[in-house]
Amino acid sequence: RSSYSFCTLLVHPNMGHDNSKFISVHATVAKINVGTSMSGGVGVVVEHSAKRLIVAGCGKMAVFSTADMSCIGTVKIENDSEMDWTTRVAACGDVAVATGCKLAIVDLAAMQATGSVRVDTGAGFGGGIGAAMDDSTAIVAGCAKLQMIDIASETIKAEVKIKTGLSFDGVAGLAVDHERGWAVVAGCDTLSIIDIHTAHCIRS
């Protein structure tokens, strides 16, 4: 429909660990349309405790039940993205965030967008920004900077310059080690470790 493409999610709930034999897997299929084109990327995160699967793209977030892949609801979001942008999603409790030139914030309990924050990580259109959450803080990373956003006040509380080796149209990988308080950002040839409590780069 229009220039949007319909994507398909395949969920395999019973993957086995014994590689010595074939295991029959029944895949559940759900059609999604979150505004992303074939040259873009869709963010997906599974929230195991609430049995929710969250998907976001260009201007829309969809939430599914992992029990039967039924759609719980969709939310229009303001992540200031384009169809060829790569979206990343993170969630903590009843709050989900989706990246773009803006970080969109969604209340999953009410299934409504609560706000958005413009971010500056060095990433540009055609690229993508990594997303993670640490309690009430959202963490985003692009090719040149990592920023930490306070969800309640919707303000950027800290930022750190990082090295990734990426250009503006690259997509940074981001993960958080909550025990150590580290954020790890990976690019094409450089990995950076950031202390999220003191907001400085430990090493690259």
Protein backbone atom coordinates (compact mmCIF):
# COMPACT_ATOMS: atom_id res chain seq x y z
CA ARG A 1 0.00 0.00 0.00
CA SER A 2 1.55 3.26 -1.10
CA SER A 3 5.33 2.94 -0.81
CA TYR A 4 5.22 1.02 2.46
CA SER A 5 6.13 -2.64 2.50
CA PHE A 6 4.49 -5.30 4.60
CA CYS A 7 6.97 -7.33 6.62
CA THR A 8 6.52 -10.74 8.16
CA LEU A 9 7.58 -11.83 11.64
CA LEU A 10 8.41 -15.49 12.13
CA VAL A 11 8.45 -16.56 15.75
CA HIS A 12 9.86 -19.95 16.72
CA PRO A 13 8.82 -20.67 20.32
CA ASN A 14 10.26 -24.17 20.67
CA MET A 15 13.78 -24.10 19.30
CA GLY A 16 15.71 -27.11 20.52
CA HIS A 17 19.34 -27.31 21.61
CA ASP A 18 20.17 -30.80 20.39
CA ASN A 19 21.91 -30.35 17.04
CA SER A 20 22.23 -34.09 16.50
CA LYS A 21 18.68 -34.42 15.24
CA PHE A 22 16.12 -32.36 13.39
CA ILE A 23 13.46 -30.74 15.50
CA SER A 24 10.04 -29.85 14.16
CA VAL A 25 9.25 -26.19 14.75
CA HIS A 26 5.88 -24.56 14.22
CA ALA A 27 6.34 -20.90 13.28
CA THR A 28 3.75 -18.28 14.06
CA VAL A 29 3.37 -15.61 11.41
CA ALA A 30 2.19 -12.05 11.97
CA LYS A 31 1.86 -9.39 9.29
CA ILE A 32 3.18 -5.99 10.30
CA ASN A 33 3.25 -2.54 8.76
CA VAL A 34 5.28 -0.08 10.79
CA GLY A 35 6.13 2.30 7.97
CA THR A 36 9.58 0.97 7.06
CA SER A 37 10.54 0.27 3.46
CA MET A 38 12.55 -2.67 2.10
CA SER A 39 15.79 -0.66 2.36
CA GLY A 40 15.17 0.26 5.99
CA GLY A 41 15.30 -1.73 9.20
CA VAL A 42 12.72 -2.64 11.84
CA GLY A 43 13.53 -2.74 15.54
CA VAL A 44 12.33 -5.72 17.58
CA VAL A 45 12.57 -6.50 21.29
CA VAL A 46 10.99 -9.28 23.35
CA GLU A 47 9.90 -8.45 26.88
CA HIS A 48 9.82 -11.91 28.44
CA SER A 49 8.29 -10.99 31.80
CA ALA A 50 5.23 -9.38 30.20
CA LYS A 51 5.20 -11.82 27.25
CA ARG A 52 5.24 -8.96 24.76
CA LEU A 53 7.03 -8.53 21.46
CA ILE A 54 7.55 -4.90 20.46
CA VAL A 55 8.19 -3.84 16.87
CA ALA A 56 8.85 -0.30 15.63
CA GLY A 57 9.68 1.40 12.37
CA CYS A 58 9.07 4.73 10.71
CA GLY A 59 6.35 6.47 12.72
CA LYS A 60 4.65 3.41 14.18
CA MET A 61 5.08 0.86 16.96
CA ALA A 62 3.21 -2.45 17.18
CA VAL A 63 2.95 -4.70 20.23
CA PHE A 64 2.21 -8.43 20.02
CA SER A 65 1.53 -11.15 22.55
CA THR A 66 4.25 -13.79 22.43
CA ALA A 67 1.69 -16.41 23.46
CA ASP A 68 -0.20 -16.43 20.16
CA MET A 69 1.28 -13.47 18.21
CA SER A 70 -2.02 -11.60 18.39
CA CYS A 71 -1.66 -7.85 18.04
CA ILE A 72 -2.18 -6.07 21.37
CA GLY A 73 -2.17 -2.67 19.70
CA THR A 74 -0.37 -0.12 17.55
CA VAL A 75 0.86 3.35 18.45
CA LYS A 76 1.80 6.27 16.23
CA ILE A 77 5.20 7.55 17.33
CA GLU A 78 7.21 10.64 16.55
CA ASN A 79 10.70 9.29 15.97
CA ASP A 80 11.34 11.65 13.03
CA SER A 81 12.44 8.83 10.79
CA GLU A 82 12.26 8.00 7.11
CA MET A 83 11.38 4.72 5.44
CA ASP A 84 15.04 3.79 4.81
CA TRP A 85 16.11 4.50 8.39
CA THR A 86 16.98 1.62 10.71
CA THR A 87 14.92 1.76 13.91
CA ARG A 88 16.03 0.21 17.17
CA VAL A 89 13.75 -0.54 20.14
CA ALA A 90 14.32 -0.95 23.87
CA ALA A 91 11.91 -1.55 26.74
CA CYS A 92 11.90 -1.57 30.53
CA GLY A 93 8.71 -2.31 32.43
CA ASP A 94 5.83 -0.47 30.77
CA VAL A 95 8.05 1.98 28.89
CA ALA A 96 9.36 1.43 25.38
CA VAL A 97 11.54 3.68 23.24
CA ALA A 98 12.21 3.73 19.51
CA THR A 99 15.05 5.55 17.79
CA GLY A 100 15.21 7.91 14.86
CA CYS A 101 16.35 11.53 14.69
CA LYS A 102 14.06 11.69 17.72
CA LEU A 103 13.69 9.15 20.50
CA ALA A 104 10.01 8.23 20.78
CA ILE A 105 8.70 7.24 24.22
CA VAL A 106 5.66 4.95 24.60
CA ASP A 107 3.61 3.94 27.63
CA LEU A 108 2.91 0.26 26.95
CA ALA A 109 0.25 -0.02 29.66
CA ALA A 110 -1.83 2.76 28.11
CA MET A 111 -0.64 1.97 24.57
CA GLN A 112 0.05 5.61 23.77
CA ALA A 113 3.03 7.78 22.93
CA THR A 114 4.00 10.06 25.80
CA GLY A 115 6.66 12.18 24.14
CA SER A 116 9.83 12.39 22.08
CA VAL A 117 13.32 13.82 22.48
CA ARG A 118 15.55 15.04 19.65
CA VAL A 119 18.89 13.25 19.80
CA ASP A 120 22.28 14.03 18.26
CA THR A 121 24.55 11.03 17.87
CA GLY A 122 26.13 11.75 14.49
CA ALA A 123 23.78 9.39 12.65
CA GLY A 124 21.90 10.72 9.63
CA PHE A 125 19.07 9.62 7.38
CA GLY A 126 19.69 6.22 5.91
CA GLY A 127 21.56 5.25 9.07
CA GLY A 128 20.40 4.15 12.47
CA ILE A 129 20.81 4.67 16.20
CA GLY A 130 21.21 1.89 18.75
CA ALA A 131 18.85 1.83 21.74
CA ALA A 132 19.00 0.43 25.27
CA MET A 133 17.43 1.16 28.64
CA ASP A 134 18.77 1.23 32.18
CA ASP A 135 15.90 1.66 34.64
CA SER A 136 14.42 5.12 33.89
CA THR A 137 17.19 6.11 31.50
CA ALA A 138 17.19 5.55 27.76
CA ILE A 139 20.57 5.19 26.08
CA VAL A 140 21.14 5.87 22.39
CA ALA A 141 24.29 5.61 20.29
CA GLY A 142 25.20 6.57 16.74
CA CYS A 143 28.43 6.85 14.81
CA ALA A 144 29.98 9.61 16.94
CA LYS A 145 28.13 10.02 20.25
CA LEU A 146 26.28 8.19 23.00
CA GLN A 147 23.52 10.08 24.78
CA MET A 148 21.55 9.27 27.93
CA ILE A 149 17.98 10.52 28.22
CA ASP A 150 15.94 10.81 31.40
CA ILE A 151 12.52 9.36 30.53
CA ALA A 152 10.52 11.28 33.15
CA SER A 153 11.76 14.75 32.21
CA GLU A 154 12.43 13.93 28.54
CA THR A 155 15.83 15.60 28.70
CA ILE A 156 19.34 14.57 27.69
CA LYS A 157 21.27 14.24 30.93
CA ALA A 158 24.66 13.21 29.57
CA GLU A 159 26.55 12.53 26.35
CA VAL A 160 29.88 10.93 25.49
CA LYS A 161 31.93 11.13 22.32
CA ILE A 162 32.70 7.66 21.01
CA LYS A 163 34.66 5.96 18.24
CA THR A 164 32.88 3.46 16.01
CA GLY A 165 34.49 3.78 12.59
CA LEU A 166 31.01 4.32 11.12
CA SER A 167 29.84 7.11 8.85
CA PHE A 168 26.51 8.90 9.32
CA ASP A 169 24.60 6.24 7.36
CA GLY A 170 25.91 3.35 9.46
CA VAL A 171 24.06 1.61 12.28
CA ALA A 172 25.75 1.31 15.68
CA GLY A 173 25.22 -1.78 17.80
CA LEU A 174 24.48 -1.02 21.46
CA ALA A 175 24.18 -3.22 24.55
CA VAL A 176 24.22 -2.52 28.30
CA ASP A 177 25.89 -4.54 31.05
CA HIS A 178 23.69 -3.53 33.99
CA GLU A 179 25.88 -5.18 36.64
CA ARG A 180 29.02 -3.29 35.63
CA GLY A 181 27.19 -0.15 34.55
CA TRP A 182 28.72 -0.28 31.10
CA ALA A 183 27.34 0.55 27.69
CA VAL A 184 29.08 -1.18 24.80
CA VAL A 185 28.90 0.33 21.32
CA ALA A 186 30.17 -1.45 18.22
CA GLY A 187 30.79 -0.03 14.75
CA CYS A 188 32.54 -1.31 11.65
CA ASP A 189 36.04 -1.46 13.13
CA THR A 190 35.92 -0.06 16.68
CA LEU A 191 34.19 -1.07 19.91
CA SER A 192 33.77 1.49 22.70
CA ILE A 193 32.98 0.84 26.38
CA ILE A 194 31.27 3.65 28.28
CA ASP A 195 30.68 3.96 32.02
CA ILE A 196 27.04 5.07 32.14
CA HIS A 197 27.29 6.24 35.76
CA THR A 198 30.20 8.65 35.22
CA ALA A 199 29.47 9.28 31.51
CA HIS A 200 32.97 8.71 30.18
CA CYS A 201 34.55 6.34 27.71
CA ILE A 202 36.55 3.65 29.53
CA ARG A 203 38.28 2.38 26.39
CA SER A 204 37.92 1.96 22.64
